[in-house]
Amino acid sequence: AVDSYYHEEGQVIVGPVAKDLEEKGFPVVTHIRVGSPGETIAHAAKDMGCDAIWMGTHGRGSVTQALLGSVASRVVALASVPVTLIK
């Protein structure tokens, strides 16, 4: 039940972004994982053989926004590929 909840919530966030990118001609493959954000992002990039990580520096809400600096820092510390932060 918990995995289903997180998958559905992830689709709510990822779906519109993927659709917008596809409409602009970008190929899109989405992945939703559950876990500590910094570690999960860095490990997902490694598992999928990504060449780079691009991520925003602002969260969706005040609590997320306060924590995102630490998430971005954690990704930079753990990632085995270059990380580009977008403001």
N, C-alpha and C. Protein backbone atom coordinates (compact mmCIF):
# COMPACT_ATOMS: atom_id res chain seq x y z
N ALA A 1 0.82 -1.19 0.00
CA ALA A 1 0.00 0.00 0.00
C ALA A 1 0.87 1.27 0.00
N VAL A 2 1.95 1.23 0.77
CA VAL A 2 2.83 2.40 0.86
C VAL A 2 3.53 2.63 -0.48
N ASP A 3 4.04 1.56 -1.09
CA ASP A 3 4.70 1.70 -2.40
C ASP A 3 3.73 2.25 -3.44
N SER A 4 2.49 1.77 -3.41
CA SER A 4 1.48 2.25 -4.35
C SER A 4 1.21 3.74 -4.15
N TYR A 5 1.13 4.16 -2.90
CA TYR A 5 0.91 5.57 -2.58
C TYR A 5 2.03 6.43 -3.16
N TYR A 6 3.28 6.04 -2.89
CA TYR A 6 4.41 6.83 -3.37
C TYR A 6 4.50 6.82 -4.89
N HIS A 7 4.16 5.71 -5.50
CA HIS A 7 4.17 5.65 -6.97
C HIS A 7 3.13 6.62 -7.54
N GLU A 8 1.94 6.61 -6.97
CA GLU A 8 0.88 7.51 -7.45
C GLU A 8 1.26 8.97 -7.23
N GLU A 9 1.80 9.29 -6.07
CA GLU A 9 2.22 10.67 -5.79
C GLU A 9 3.35 11.09 -6.72
N GLY A 10 4.27 10.17 -6.99
CA GLY A 10 5.36 10.47 -7.92
C GLY A 10 4.84 10.75 -9.31
N GLN A 11 3.85 9.98 -9.76
CA GLN A 11 3.26 10.19 -11.09
C GLN A 11 2.60 11.56 -11.18
N VAL A 12 1.99 12.02 -10.09
CA VAL A 12 1.35 13.35 -10.08
C VAL A 12 2.38 14.43 -10.37
N ILE A 13 3.57 14.26 -9.85
CA ILE A 13 4.63 15.26 -10.03
C ILE A 13 5.35 15.07 -11.36
N VAL A 14 5.72 13.84 -11.67
CA VAL A 14 6.52 13.55 -12.86
C VAL A 14 5.71 13.62 -14.15
N GLY A 15 4.47 13.19 -14.10
CA GLY A 15 3.63 13.11 -15.30
C GLY A 15 3.55 14.39 -16.11
N PRO A 16 3.15 15.51 -15.50
CA PRO A 16 3.04 16.75 -16.28
C PRO A 16 4.37 17.24 -16.85
N VAL A 17 5.45 17.03 -16.11
CA VAL A 17 6.77 17.45 -16.60
C VAL A 17 7.16 16.59 -17.80
N ALA A 18 6.96 15.29 -17.69
CA ALA A 18 7.28 14.38 -18.80
C ALA A 18 6.46 14.74 -20.04
N LYS A 19 5.19 15.01 -19.84
CA LYS A 19 4.31 15.37 -20.97
C LYS A 19 4.80 16.64 -21.65
N ASP A 20 5.16 17.63 -20.87
CA ASP A 20 5.64 18.90 -21.42
C ASP A 20 6.93 18.69 -22.22
N LEU A 21 7.86 17.90 -21.69
CA LEU A 21 9.10 17.63 -22.41
C LEU A 21 8.86 16.86 -23.69
N GLU A 22 7.96 15.86 -23.64
CA GLU A 22 7.63 15.09 -24.84
C GLU A 22 7.02 15.96 -25.92
N GLU A 23 6.13 16.89 -25.51
CA GLU A 23 5.50 17.80 -26.47
C GLU A 23 6.53 18.71 -27.13
N LYS A 24 7.65 18.93 -26.45
CA LYS A 24 8.71 19.77 -27.00
C LYS A 24 9.75 18.95 -27.77
N GLY A 25 9.48 17.65 -27.92
CA GLY A 25 10.34 16.82 -28.74
C GLY A 25 11.45 16.08 -28.01
N PHE A 26 11.46 16.12 -26.68
CA PHE A 26 12.49 15.41 -25.93
C PHE A 26 12.03 13.99 -25.62
N PRO A 27 12.91 13.02 -25.79
CA PRO A 27 12.54 11.66 -25.39
C PRO A 27 12.54 11.59 -23.86
N VAL A 28 11.55 10.94 -23.29
CA VAL A 28 11.41 10.90 -21.83
C VAL A 28 11.19 9.46 -21.36
N VAL A 29 11.94 9.09 -20.33
CA VAL A 29 11.72 7.84 -19.61
C VAL A 29 11.66 8.22 -18.14
N THR A 30 10.58 7.87 -17.47
CA THR A 30 10.43 8.25 -16.07
C THR A 30 10.71 7.07 -15.15
N HIS A 31 11.22 7.39 -13.97
CA HIS A 31 11.48 6.41 -12.92
C HIS A 31 11.06 7.01 -11.60
N ILE A 32 10.39 6.24 -10.80
CA ILE A 32 10.00 6.70 -9.47
C ILE A 32 10.58 5.73 -8.46
N ARG A 33 11.35 6.27 -7.53
CA ARG A 33 11.96 5.46 -6.47
C ARG A 33 11.63 6.08 -5.12
N VAL A 34 11.64 5.26 -4.11
CA VAL A 34 11.32 5.70 -2.76
C VAL A 34 12.56 5.55 -1.89
N GLY A 35 12.86 6.58 -1.11
CA GLY A 35 13.99 6.51 -0.20
C GLY A 35 14.47 7.90 0.15
N SER A 36 15.56 7.97 0.85
CA SER A 36 16.18 9.24 1.20
C SER A 36 16.58 9.94 -0.11
N PRO A 37 16.10 11.16 -0.35
CA PRO A 37 16.25 11.78 -1.67
C PRO A 37 17.67 11.84 -2.21
N GLY A 38 18.61 12.34 -1.45
CA GLY A 38 19.98 12.48 -1.95
C GLY A 38 20.60 11.16 -2.35
N GLU A 39 20.47 10.18 -1.47
CA GLU A 39 21.03 8.87 -1.74
C GLU A 39 20.30 8.19 -2.90
N THR A 40 18.98 8.32 -2.93
CA THR A 40 18.19 7.68 -3.97
C THR A 40 18.51 8.24 -5.35
N ILE A 41 18.65 9.54 -5.45
CA ILE A 41 18.97 10.17 -6.73
C ILE A 41 20.36 9.74 -7.21
N ALA A 42 21.35 9.80 -6.33
CA ALA A 42 22.71 9.42 -6.71
C ALA A 42 22.79 7.95 -7.11
N HIS A 43 22.14 7.07 -6.34
CA HIS A 43 22.17 5.65 -6.66
C HIS A 43 21.40 5.33 -7.94
N ALA A 44 20.29 6.01 -8.17
CA ALA A 44 19.51 5.79 -9.39
C ALA A 44 20.33 6.16 -10.61
N ALA A 45 21.03 7.28 -10.54
CA ALA A 45 21.86 7.70 -11.67
C ALA A 45 22.93 6.66 -11.97
N LYS A 46 23.54 6.11 -10.93
CA LYS A 46 24.57 5.08 -11.12
C LYS A 46 23.94 3.81 -11.69
N ASP A 47 22.83 3.37 -11.10
CA ASP A 47 22.17 2.14 -11.54
C ASP A 47 21.75 2.20 -13.01
N MET A 48 21.32 3.39 -13.46
CA MET A 48 20.82 3.54 -14.82
C MET A 48 21.91 3.95 -15.81
N GLY A 49 23.13 4.12 -15.32
CA GLY A 49 24.24 4.47 -16.21
C GLY A 49 24.14 5.88 -16.77
N CYS A 50 23.60 6.80 -15.99
CA CYS A 50 23.45 8.19 -16.45
C CYS A 50 24.80 8.86 -16.59
N ASP A 51 24.88 9.81 -17.53
CA ASP A 51 26.10 10.58 -17.75
C ASP A 51 26.18 11.81 -16.86
N ALA A 52 25.02 12.27 -16.37
CA ALA A 52 24.97 13.49 -15.57
C ALA A 52 23.65 13.53 -14.81
N ILE A 53 23.63 14.39 -13.79
CA ILE A 53 22.40 14.66 -13.03
C ILE A 53 22.13 16.15 -13.13
N TRP A 54 20.91 16.49 -13.48
CA TRP A 54 20.46 17.88 -13.49
C TRP A 54 19.31 17.96 -12.50
N MET A 55 19.37 18.91 -11.57
CA MET A 55 18.29 19.01 -10.60
C MET A 55 18.08 20.46 -10.19
N GLY A 56 16.83 20.76 -9.82
CA GLY A 56 16.48 22.09 -9.37
C GLY A 56 16.98 22.34 -7.95
N THR A 57 17.08 23.61 -7.61
CA THR A 57 17.54 23.96 -6.26
C THR A 57 16.39 24.40 -5.36
N HIS A 58 15.18 24.39 -5.87
CA HIS A 58 14.04 24.83 -5.06
C HIS A 58 13.02 23.71 -4.95
N GLY A 59 12.53 23.49 -3.72
CA GLY A 59 11.53 22.46 -3.49
C GLY A 59 10.13 22.95 -3.79
N ARG A 60 9.17 22.08 -3.53
CA ARG A 60 7.78 22.38 -3.83
C ARG A 60 7.09 23.15 -2.70
N GLY A 61 7.61 23.08 -1.50
CA GLY A 61 6.98 23.76 -0.37
C GLY A 61 8.05 24.28 0.57
N SER A 62 7.62 24.99 1.61
CA SER A 62 8.59 25.63 2.50
C SER A 62 9.48 24.62 3.21
N VAL A 63 8.91 23.50 3.66
CA VAL A 63 9.73 22.49 4.32
C VAL A 63 10.68 21.86 3.32
N THR A 64 10.17 21.49 2.16
CA THR A 64 11.02 20.90 1.12
C THR A 64 12.09 21.89 0.69
N GLN A 65 11.71 23.14 0.57
CA GLN A 65 12.66 24.16 0.13
C GLN A 65 13.79 24.30 1.14
N ALA A 66 13.47 24.23 2.42
CA ALA A 66 14.49 24.34 3.44
C ALA A 66 15.46 23.16 3.41
N LEU A 67 14.96 21.99 3.03
CA LEU A 67 15.78 20.78 3.02
C LEU A 67 16.51 20.55 1.71
N LEU A 68 16.06 21.17 0.61
CA LEU A 68 16.62 20.84 -0.69
C LEU A 68 18.09 21.17 -0.80
N GLY A 69 18.53 22.20 -0.11
CA GLY A 69 19.96 22.49 -0.13
C GLY A 69 20.75 21.29 0.35
N SER A 70 20.25 20.63 1.39
CA SER A 70 20.94 19.45 1.89
C SER A 70 20.80 18.28 0.94
N VAL A 71 19.68 18.17 0.23
CA VAL A 71 19.51 17.10 -0.76
C VAL A 71 20.50 17.31 -1.90
N ALA A 72 20.55 18.52 -2.42
CA ALA A 72 21.48 18.81 -3.52
C ALA A 72 22.92 18.57 -3.07
N SER A 73 23.25 18.98 -1.87
CA SER A 73 24.60 18.76 -1.35
C SER A 73 24.91 17.27 -1.24
N ARG A 74 23.93 16.50 -0.81
CA ARG A 74 24.11 15.05 -0.66
C ARG A 74 24.31 14.39 -2.04
N VAL A 75 23.52 14.83 -3.03
CA VAL A 75 23.67 14.28 -4.38
C VAL A 75 25.06 14.61 -4.91
N VAL A 76 25.49 15.84 -4.75
CA VAL A 76 26.82 16.23 -5.22
C VAL A 76 27.89 15.38 -4.54
N ALA A 77 27.73 15.14 -3.25
CA ALA A 77 28.73 14.36 -2.50
C ALA A 77 28.76 12.89 -2.92
N LEU A 78 27.61 12.33 -3.26
CA LEU A 78 27.52 10.90 -3.54
C LEU A 78 27.58 10.52 -5.01
N ALA A 79 27.26 11.43 -5.88
CA ALA A 79 27.14 11.11 -7.31
C ALA A 79 28.49 10.76 -7.92
N SER A 80 28.45 9.80 -8.81
CA SER A 80 29.67 9.40 -9.53
C SER A 80 29.73 10.07 -10.91
N VAL A 81 28.78 10.98 -11.16
CA VAL A 81 28.72 11.73 -12.42
C VAL A 81 28.57 13.22 -12.09
N PRO A 82 28.83 14.10 -13.06
CA PRO A 82 28.66 15.54 -12.80
C PRO A 82 27.20 15.88 -12.42
N VAL A 83 27.05 16.84 -11.52
CA VAL A 83 25.74 17.30 -11.08
C VAL A 83 25.63 18.78 -11.42
N THR A 84 24.57 19.14 -12.15
CA THR A 84 24.29 20.54 -12.49
C THR A 84 23.06 20.96 -11.71
N LEU A 85 23.18 22.05 -10.94
CA LEU A 85 22.06 22.56 -10.16
C LEU A 85 21.43 23.74 -10.90
N ILE A 86 20.12 23.72 -11.01
CA ILE A 86 19.38 24.75 -11.73
C ILE A 86 18.54 25.53 -10.75
N LYS A 87 18.71 26.83 -10.75
CA LYS A 87 17.95 27.68 -9.83
C LYS A 87 16.62 28.03 -10.40
